[in-house]
Amino acid sequence: MSPELLMPAGSLEKLKYAYRYGADAVYVGVPLFSLRARENEMTIEDLQAGIAFAREHGKQIYVTANIFARNLKLKSFRENFKKWVDLKPDAFIMSDPGLMMIAKEVDPNVNIHLSVQSNCMNWQSVKFWQQQGATRIILSRELRLEEIREIHERVPGIELEAFVHGSICIAYSGRCLLSHYMSYRDANQGVCDNSCRYGYNIHKAEGSKDDEFYLEDLRDKGQFYQIDEDEHGTYIMNAKDLCVIEHLKELRDAGICSFKVEGRTKSLYYASMISRVYRKAIDDMMAGREFDPNLLKELSKVPNRGYHTGFVTGNLSHNSQEYRHSTSRNFTQRFAGVVLGQSENPEFVKVEARHRVRTGDTVEVISPQGTQTATVGRILNSNYEVVPQAGGGGLTFHLELPVPATPDSLISLIESGGF
């Protein structure tokens, strides 16, 4: 049986594109109760529509409610959970035992997947959560391949899911207090400010006999934090992105049934491209074909912090960190727009522009079926007037392209005078 490709969906639009580009399942968050509370576009109406879309296309959908709740959220969680259960998603991703208890009280048959936030790292813990009613365990990112294999061998009757791609929190499976300490925004309540990824200056204390150092937070100049350093360095770091696409077969053979991708706050382009690339990698694996190295080139077209294989292939080193930039600056192409359909003039396609595109630019027209390279011809604005460029910001333009572009296609900018 082929492992599941599980993609993030931070909005109804991203959900649909993830499915179209190859996802078997998606996971969505619910406001106030998932760990992407600040950038969560999913409403109860969107959730209902997303579940209907999944059913129509024979896909799975999981609802993430994985915060560690404080007392004040318990009553509202119970009230909201009743509404979510009535929509009949395939499972709920949860981490708080108290909230799981409420879920079981509301619906004893509810399907619960244990969130990675629970830091499940050994077979005895897996067995414990299985006895508590969890049907799937999302394993800690810190596990090595041989550890995953042993868990599967000792507890064969439960599904195991593992992250294979995306951003990595510097703390154990996201259980981080850094944001809460520095800006009073608790990552475990879904409002992480990514303190680990920002720039800092380091200062040595004047007149100190010992090597006493302080970090200055450049977002709040004049705010200093004393730091301790041992032989391993200090611990405010910016991890590269996880990418184990070359090791999917080993993970499958070790017992992983679901390959999970991080990124509910990331773009429609990310959801589509990563879905398509991993879909091909999984299909090749199941057909017995060798890994296609061109897939790595496809991944380089998506913004990233540099890639590494995490703990799957062994312990990490300094090469797993990105010391130069806190943002995703490693990419070879730029997301330029979404094809909305054919224009009234058949030589043009209607595009919702996400980045500036000029006449003469080289672009890729990307669809679930394949990729075509094209040079942009004339550009018309919404009034069908010829203009030298299509601006970003979601405005509608009409591009003259020498290749066909279906309504679910994306435009990716390769070469531009203003790139």
Protein backbone atom coordinates (compact mmCIF):
# COMPACT_ATOMS: atom_id res chain seq x y z
CA MET A 1 0.00 0.00 0.00
CA SER A 2 1.33 3.42 -0.93
CA PRO A 3 2.15 5.79 1.93
CA GLU A 4 -0.10 8.81 2.24
CA LEU A 5 1.12 12.24 1.13
CA LEU A 6 -0.18 14.63 3.78
CA MET A 7 0.00 18.33 2.92
CA PRO A 8 -0.70 21.48 4.93
CA ALA A 9 -3.66 23.70 4.04
CA GLY A 10 -3.80 27.11 5.66
CA SER A 11 -6.81 28.16 3.59
CA LEU A 12 -9.56 26.65 1.49
CA GLU A 13 -7.73 27.72 -1.68
CA LYS A 14 -4.50 26.02 -0.60
CA LEU A 15 -6.47 22.90 0.31
CA LYS A 16 -7.86 22.60 -3.20
CA TYR A 17 -4.50 23.15 -4.88
CA ALA A 18 -2.75 20.65 -2.60
CA TYR A 19 -5.28 17.99 -3.62
CA ARG A 20 -5.09 18.90 -7.31
CA TYR A 21 -1.31 18.69 -7.31
CA GLY A 22 -1.11 15.28 -5.69
CA ALA A 23 -1.90 15.25 -1.97
CA ASP A 24 -3.80 12.24 -0.60
CA ALA A 25 -4.76 14.14 2.52
CA VAL A 26 -4.47 17.60 4.05
CA TYR A 27 -4.46 18.91 7.59
CA VAL A 28 -6.16 22.18 8.45
CA GLY A 29 -6.13 24.27 11.60
CA VAL A 30 -9.00 25.73 13.55
CA PRO A 31 -8.70 29.27 14.98
CA LEU A 32 -7.70 29.52 18.67
CA PHE A 33 -6.99 25.81 19.03
CA SER A 34 -4.16 25.04 16.59
CA LEU A 35 -0.53 26.13 16.55
CA ARG A 36 -0.95 28.53 13.63
CA ALA A 37 -3.46 30.81 15.34
CA ARG A 38 -2.12 34.10 13.94
CA GLU A 39 -2.19 33.07 10.28
CA ASN A 40 -5.19 30.81 10.03
CA GLU A 41 -7.74 31.64 7.36
CA MET A 42 -9.97 28.62 7.97
CA THR A 43 -13.48 29.42 9.19
CA ILE A 44 -16.10 26.84 10.11
CA GLU A 45 -17.67 27.47 6.70
CA ASP A 46 -14.31 26.90 4.99
CA LEU A 47 -13.86 23.72 6.97
CA GLN A 48 -17.26 22.48 5.88
CA ALA A 49 -16.48 23.32 2.24
CA GLY A 50 -13.05 21.70 2.50
CA ILE A 51 -14.49 18.47 3.86
CA ALA A 52 -17.08 18.42 1.08
CA PHE A 53 -14.31 18.96 -1.51
CA ALA A 54 -12.26 16.13 0.02
CA ARG A 55 -15.21 13.76 -0.11
CA GLU A 56 -15.93 14.70 -3.71
CA HIS A 57 -12.37 13.82 -4.72
CA GLY A 58 -11.89 10.75 -2.51
CA LYS A 59 -9.36 12.45 -0.23
CA GLN A 60 -8.74 12.59 3.53
CA ILE A 61 -8.85 15.67 5.75
CA TYR A 62 -7.59 16.07 9.31
CA VAL A 63 -8.41 18.90 11.71
CA THR A 64 -5.58 20.22 13.86
CA ALA A 65 -6.46 21.21 17.43
CA ASN A 66 -3.06 20.74 19.03
CA ILE A 67 -2.56 23.58 21.49
CA PHE A 68 -1.79 22.95 25.14
CA ALA A 69 -4.86 24.65 26.53
CA ARG A 70 -5.19 26.84 29.59
CA ASN A 71 -8.28 26.63 31.80
CA LEU A 72 -10.04 29.50 30.06
CA LYS A 73 -10.14 27.61 26.75
CA LEU A 74 -11.69 24.38 28.01
CA LYS A 75 -15.33 25.45 27.85
CA SER A 76 -15.04 27.00 24.39
CA PHE A 77 -13.15 23.96 23.13
CA ARG A 78 -15.97 21.65 24.16
CA GLU A 79 -18.53 23.91 22.49
CA ASN A 80 -16.55 24.18 19.26
CA PHE A 81 -15.57 20.52 19.15
CA LYS A 82 -19.23 19.52 18.90
CA LYS A 83 -19.50 21.63 15.73
CA TRP A 84 -16.33 20.16 14.22
CA VAL A 85 -17.36 16.57 14.91
CA ASP A 86 -20.68 17.13 13.15
CA LEU A 87 -18.73 17.98 9.97
CA LYS A 88 -17.15 14.49 10.09
CA PRO A 89 -13.47 15.08 9.27
CA ASP A 90 -11.38 11.92 9.08
CA ALA A 91 -9.37 12.64 12.23
CA PHE A 92 -8.32 15.27 14.75
CA ILE A 93 -4.66 16.04 15.41
CA MET A 94 -4.29 16.67 19.15
CA SER A 95 -1.65 16.88 21.86
CA ASP A 96 -3.33 17.95 25.13
CA PRO A 97 -4.60 14.91 27.14
CA GLY A 98 -7.33 17.04 28.71
CA LEU A 99 -8.65 18.12 25.33
CA MET A 100 -8.47 14.52 24.12
CA MET A 101 -10.62 13.52 27.08
CA ILE A 102 -13.19 16.16 26.12
CA ALA A 103 -13.10 14.92 22.52
CA LYS A 104 -13.81 11.35 23.63
CA GLU A 105 -16.64 12.53 25.88
CA VAL A 106 -18.25 14.36 22.96
CA ASP A 107 -17.73 11.46 20.54
CA PRO A 108 -16.30 8.17 21.88
CA ASN A 109 -15.56 7.03 18.33
CA VAL A 110 -13.57 10.11 17.30
CA ASN A 111 -10.35 9.36 15.44
CA ILE A 112 -7.37 11.03 17.17
CA HIS A 113 -3.89 11.43 15.71
CA LEU A 114 -1.31 12.32 18.35
CA SER A 115 0.40 15.58 17.41
CA VAL A 116 4.17 15.89 17.08
CA GLN A 117 3.85 18.44 19.91
CA SER A 118 3.51 15.52 22.29
CA ASN A 119 7.15 14.56 21.65
CA CYS A 120 6.49 10.85 21.22
CA MET A 121 10.01 9.41 20.95
CA ASN A 122 9.89 5.75 22.05
CA TRP A 123 7.82 2.63 21.61
CA GLN A 124 6.59 2.59 25.20
CA SER A 125 5.09 6.06 24.75
CA VAL A 126 3.50 4.95 21.49
CA LYS A 127 1.97 1.99 23.30
CA PHE A 128 0.67 4.28 26.05
CA TRP A 129 -1.04 6.63 23.60
CA GLN A 130 -2.47 3.68 21.70
CA GLN A 131 -4.10 2.54 24.94
CA GLN A 132 -5.54 6.05 25.37
CA GLY A 133 -7.31 5.74 22.05
CA ALA A 134 -4.91 7.35 19.56
CA THR A 135 -5.10 5.67 16.15
CA ARG A 136 -2.01 7.34 14.69
CA ILE A 137 1.19 8.75 16.18
CA ILE A 138 2.96 11.68 14.53
CA LEU A 139 6.50 10.89 15.59
CA SER A 140 8.99 13.37 16.94
CA ARG A 141 11.24 14.90 14.28
CA GLU A 142 14.26 14.02 16.42
CA LEU A 143 14.02 10.27 15.79
CA ARG A 144 16.53 8.36 13.69
CA LEU A 145 15.53 5.76 11.14
CA GLU A 146 16.48 2.79 13.32
CA GLU A 147 14.42 4.17 16.20
CA ILE A 148 11.37 4.49 13.97
CA ARG A 149 11.87 0.91 12.79
CA GLU A 150 11.99 -0.41 16.36
CA ILE A 151 8.81 1.48 17.30
CA HIS A 152 6.98 -0.12 14.37
CA GLU A 153 8.28 -3.58 15.23
CA ARG A 154 7.27 -3.33 18.90
CA VAL A 155 3.88 -1.64 18.33
CA PRO A 156 2.80 -2.87 14.88
CA GLY A 157 -0.90 -2.19 15.34
CA ILE A 158 -0.80 1.61 15.15
CA GLU A 159 -0.24 4.01 12.25
CA LEU A 160 2.99 6.03 12.25
CA GLU A 161 3.35 9.41 10.56
CA ALA A 162 6.58 11.37 10.04
CA PHE A 163 7.50 14.81 8.78
CA VAL A 164 9.48 14.66 5.55
CA HIS A 165 9.66 18.30 4.47
CA GLY A 166 9.45 21.85 5.76
CA SER A 167 10.59 24.23 8.47
CA ILE A 168 12.02 22.86 11.69
CA CYS A 169 11.67 24.48 15.10
CA ILE A 170 14.94 24.64 17.00
CA ALA A 171 13.18 23.26 20.09
CA TYR A 172 12.19 19.64 20.54
CA SER A 173 9.24 19.14 18.20
CA GLY A 174 8.19 22.74 18.58
CA ARG A 175 7.90 22.70 22.38
CA CYS A 176 9.58 26.11 22.59
CA LEU A 177 9.52 28.83 25.26
CA LEU A 178 11.80 31.31 23.49
CA SER A 179 9.02 33.36 21.89
CA HIS A 180 7.08 33.52 25.14
CA TYR A 181 10.15 34.66 27.04
CA MET A 182 11.19 37.33 24.57
CA SER A 183 7.88 38.77 23.37
CA TYR A 184 5.21 37.19 25.59
CA ARG A 185 3.79 35.20 22.68
CA ASP A 186 3.44 31.54 23.57
CA ALA A 187 4.36 29.14 20.76
CA ASN A 188 2.35 26.44 22.53
CA GLN A 189 -0.76 28.60 22.17
CA GLY A 190 -0.21 29.12 18.45
CA VAL A 191 1.32 32.63 18.43
CA CYS A 192 5.07 32.00 17.98
CA ASP A 193 7.00 35.08 16.83
CA ASN A 194 9.96 33.07 15.42
CA SER A 195 12.46 34.68 17.80
CA CYS A 196 15.02 32.03 16.85
CA ARG A 197 15.17 33.27 13.26
CA TYR A 198 15.87 36.98 13.78
CA GLY A 199 19.18 38.82 13.86
CA TYR A 200 21.09 39.43 17.08
CA ASN A 201 24.24 41.29 18.03
CA ILE A 202 26.60 39.75 20.55
CA HIS A 203 28.39 41.86 23.17
CA LYS A 204 31.08 40.97 25.68
CA ALA A 205 30.61 42.55 29.10
CA GLU A 206 33.20 45.22 29.79
CA GLY A 207 35.43 44.66 32.80
CA SER A 208 34.31 41.07 33.24
CA LYS A 209 36.99 38.60 34.32
CA ASP A 210 35.01 35.73 32.89
CA ASP A 211 33.80 35.45 29.31
CA GLU A 212 30.41 37.01 29.93
CA PHE A 213 28.35 37.62 26.78
CA TYR A 214 25.00 39.21 26.00
CA LEU A 215 22.70 39.03 23.00
CA GLU A 216 21.01 42.21 21.77
CA ASP A 217 17.67 41.62 20.05
CA LEU A 218 17.76 43.80 16.92
CA ARG A 219 13.96 44.03 16.94
CA ASP A 220 14.21 45.78 20.30
CA LYS A 221 17.58 47.52 20.42
CA GLY A 222 18.88 47.99 23.93
CA GLN A 223 17.26 44.75 25.11
CA PHE A 224 20.03 42.38 26.24
CA TYR A 225 19.92 38.72 27.20
CA GLN A 226 22.80 37.08 29.02
CA ILE A 227 23.85 33.87 27.31
CA ASP A 228 25.82 30.86 28.41
CA GLU A 229 27.95 28.88 25.98
CA ASP A 230 29.35 25.38 26.25
CA GLU A 231 31.35 23.26 23.82
CA HIS A 232 28.28 22.98 21.59
CA GLY A 233 27.69 26.73 21.32
CA THR A 234 24.52 28.60 22.20
CA TYR A 235 20.96 27.76 21.31
CA ILE A 236 19.33 30.66 19.48
CA MET A 237 19.63 29.29 15.98
CA ASN A 238 17.93 29.19 12.61
CA ALA A 239 17.54 25.65 11.32
CA LYS A 240 17.60 24.82 7.64
CA ASP A 241 14.48 23.17 6.22
CA LEU A 242 13.88 19.45 6.43
CA CYS A 243 13.95 17.48 3.18
CA VAL A 244 14.12 13.68 3.17
CA ILE A 245 12.70 13.11 -0.29
CA GLU A 246 15.67 10.85 -1.10
CA HIS A 247 14.89 8.61 1.89
CA LEU A 248 11.17 7.93 1.46
CA LYS A 249 11.71 4.23 0.75
CA GLU A 250 13.69 3.78 3.97
CA LEU A 251 10.95 5.52 5.94
CA ARG A 252 8.25 3.42 4.31
CA ASP A 253 10.17 0.23 5.03
CA ALA A 254 10.64 1.36 8.65
CA GLY A 255 6.86 1.53 9.07
CA ILE A 256 5.82 5.07 8.17
CA CYS A 257 2.38 5.14 6.51
CA SER A 258 2.03 8.92 6.12
CA PHE A 259 4.59 11.40 4.79
CA LYS A 260 3.82 14.80 6.28
CA VAL A 261 4.84 18.22 4.97
CA GLU A 262 5.03 21.31 7.20
CA GLY A 263 3.75 24.70 6.06
CA ARG A 264 0.18 25.82 6.76
CA THR A 265 1.31 29.47 6.69
CA LYS A 266 3.19 29.08 3.41
CA SER A 267 2.00 30.03 -0.04
CA LEU A 268 -0.29 28.44 -2.57
CA TYR A 269 2.80 27.98 -4.74
CA TYR A 270 4.52 26.04 -1.96
CA ALA A 271 1.48 23.80 -1.38
CA SER A 272 1.21 23.01 -5.08
CA MET A 273 4.88 22.53 -5.93
CA ILE A 274 5.75 20.41 -2.90
CA SER A 275 2.65 18.27 -3.50
CA ARG A 276 3.61 17.67 -7.11
CA VAL A 277 7.26 16.86 -6.39
CA TYR A 278 6.56 14.45 -3.53
CA ARG A 279 3.70 12.87 -5.47
CA LYS A 280 6.13 11.93 -8.24
CA ALA A 281 8.74 10.71 -5.74
CA ILE A 282 6.17 8.46 -4.04
CA ASP A 283 4.80 7.16 -7.34
CA ASP A 284 8.32 6.41 -8.57
CA MET A 285 9.12 4.59 -5.33
CA MET A 286 5.98 2.47 -5.53
CA ALA A 287 6.72 1.62 -9.18
CA GLY A 288 10.24 0.49 -8.26
CA ARG A 289 11.94 3.32 -10.15
CA GLU A 290 15.16 4.95 -8.96
CA PHE A 291 14.95 8.35 -7.31
CA ASP A 292 14.88 11.13 -9.89
CA PRO A 293 17.52 13.77 -8.93
CA ASN A 294 15.66 16.34 -11.01
CA LEU A 295 13.13 16.48 -8.18
CA LEU A 296 15.74 18.25 -6.07
CA LYS A 297 15.94 20.93 -8.75
CA GLU A 298 12.18 21.28 -8.60
CA LEU A 299 12.34 21.79 -4.83
CA SER A 300 14.93 24.53 -5.33
CA LYS A 301 12.28 26.57 -7.15
CA VAL A 302 10.39 26.98 -3.86
CA PRO A 303 11.61 29.44 -1.20
CA ASN A 304 13.63 27.64 1.46
CA ARG A 305 16.40 28.16 4.02
CA GLY A 306 18.55 25.45 2.52
CA TYR A 307 17.79 21.76 2.99
CA HIS A 308 19.06 19.00 5.23
CA THR A 309 17.85 15.53 6.20
CA GLY A 310 17.24 16.22 9.88
CA PHE A 311 17.80 13.37 12.33
CA VAL A 312 16.60 10.61 10.00
CA THR A 313 20.09 9.82 8.74
CA GLY A 314 21.95 10.61 11.98
CA ASN A 315 22.73 13.44 14.34
CA LEU A 316 22.80 17.02 13.07
CA SER A 317 25.86 19.24 12.68
CA HIS A 318 26.54 22.94 12.18
CA ASN A 319 25.72 22.40 8.50
CA SER A 320 22.07 22.04 9.48
CA GLN A 321 21.88 25.71 10.46
CA GLU A 322 21.42 28.80 8.32
CA TYR A 323 23.62 31.51 9.82
CA ARG A 324 23.30 34.21 7.16
CA HIS A 325 19.59 34.92 6.82
CA SER A 326 16.47 34.31 8.90
CA THR A 327 14.09 34.21 5.94
CA SER A 328 13.73 31.82 2.99
CA ARG A 329 16.15 33.22 0.41
CA ASN A 330 17.24 30.08 -1.38
CA PHE A 331 15.17 29.68 -4.54
CA THR A 332 15.74 29.74 -8.27
CA GLN A 333 12.29 30.96 -9.34
CA ARG A 334 9.56 33.20 -8.04
CA PHE A 335 5.81 32.62 -7.80
CA ALA A 336 4.27 35.09 -10.26
CA GLY A 337 0.59 34.27 -10.54
CA VAL A 338 -2.42 31.97 -10.66
CA VAL A 339 -4.17 31.22 -13.94
CA LEU A 340 -7.87 31.99 -13.60
CA GLY A 341 -8.92 30.85 -17.07
CA GLN A 342 -9.01 31.82 -20.71
CA SER A 343 -9.43 35.49 -21.59
CA GLU A 344 -12.04 36.66 -24.04
CA ASN A 345 -9.20 36.95 -26.54
CA PRO A 346 -8.07 33.32 -27.05
CA GLU A 347 -4.42 34.39 -27.39
CA PHE A 348 -4.40 35.47 -23.72
CA VAL A 349 -4.97 33.83 -20.34
CA LYS A 350 -6.40 35.62 -17.32
CA VAL A 351 -3.94 35.68 -14.42
CA GLU A 352 -4.14 36.83 -10.81
CA ALA A 353 -0.66 38.35 -10.46
CA ARG A 354 1.33 37.60 -7.31
CA HIS A 355 4.61 39.17 -8.51
CA ARG A 356 5.65 41.60 -11.21
CA VAL A 357 5.93 40.08 -14.70
CA ARG A 358 7.19 41.98 -17.76
CA THR A 359 6.80 41.43 -21.48
CA GLY A 360 9.74 39.27 -22.58
CA ASP A 361 10.11 37.49 -19.21
CA THR A 362 10.70 33.74 -19.24
CA VAL A 363 8.20 31.82 -17.15
CA GLU A 364 7.15 28.27 -16.39
CA VAL A 365 3.50 27.37 -16.73
CA ILE A 366 3.03 24.71 -14.06
CA SER A 367 0.07 22.36 -13.88
CA PRO A 368 -0.60 19.04 -12.12
CA GLN A 369 0.20 17.31 -15.41
CA GLY A 370 3.51 18.97 -16.23
CA THR A 371 5.57 22.09 -16.85
CA GLN A 372 6.07 24.20 -19.97
CA THR A 373 8.51 27.06 -20.49
CA ALA A 374 7.26 30.17 -22.27
CA THR A 375 8.14 33.78 -23.03
CA VAL A 376 5.55 36.35 -22.02
CA GLY A 377 4.21 38.30 -24.99
CA ARG A 378 1.80 41.21 -24.69
CA ILE A 379 0.24 42.07 -21.34
CA LEU A 380 -3.22 43.59 -20.93
CA ASN A 381 -4.66 45.17 -17.80
CA SER A 382 -8.24 44.58 -16.59
CA ASN A 383 -9.46 47.16 -19.13
CA TYR A 384 -7.74 45.22 -21.93
CA GLU A 385 -5.17 47.98 -22.45
CA VAL A 386 -1.61 47.02 -23.39
CA VAL A 387 0.79 47.60 -20.47
CA PRO A 388 4.54 46.86 -20.13
CA GLN A 389 4.16 44.73 -17.01
CA ALA A 390 1.71 42.98 -14.71
CA GLY A 391 2.03 44.19 -11.13
CA GLY A 392 1.66 41.90 -8.13
CA GLY A 393 -0.79 42.23 -5.28
CA GLY A 394 -3.48 39.96 -6.64
CA LEU A 395 -4.57 42.25 -9.51
CA THR A 396 -5.95 40.66 -12.66
CA PHE A 397 -4.01 40.84 -15.93
CA HIS A 398 -4.10 39.05 -19.26
CA LEU A 399 -0.88 37.43 -20.47
CA GLU A 400 -0.13 36.37 -24.02
CA LEU A 401 1.47 32.92 -23.73
CA PRO A 402 2.48 30.55 -26.56
CA VAL A 403 1.51 27.47 -24.51
CA PRO A 404 -1.86 26.35 -23.08
CA ALA A 405 -2.63 27.14 -19.44
CA THR A 406 -5.53 25.54 -17.58
CA PRO A 407 -7.37 27.28 -14.72
CA ASP A 408 -5.44 25.31 -12.09
CA SER A 409 -2.02 26.31 -13.52
CA LEU A 410 0.57 28.50 -11.82
CA ILE A 411 3.00 30.99 -13.35
CA SER A 412 6.58 30.82 -12.07
CA LEU A 413 9.07 33.49 -13.07
CA ILE A 414 12.46 32.24 -14.32
CA GLU A 415 14.09 35.28 -15.89
CA SER A 416 13.13 38.91 -15.56
CA GLY A 417 14.69 42.30 -15.97
CA GLY A 418 13.53 43.14 -12.47
CA PHE A 419 13.91 39.80 -10.67
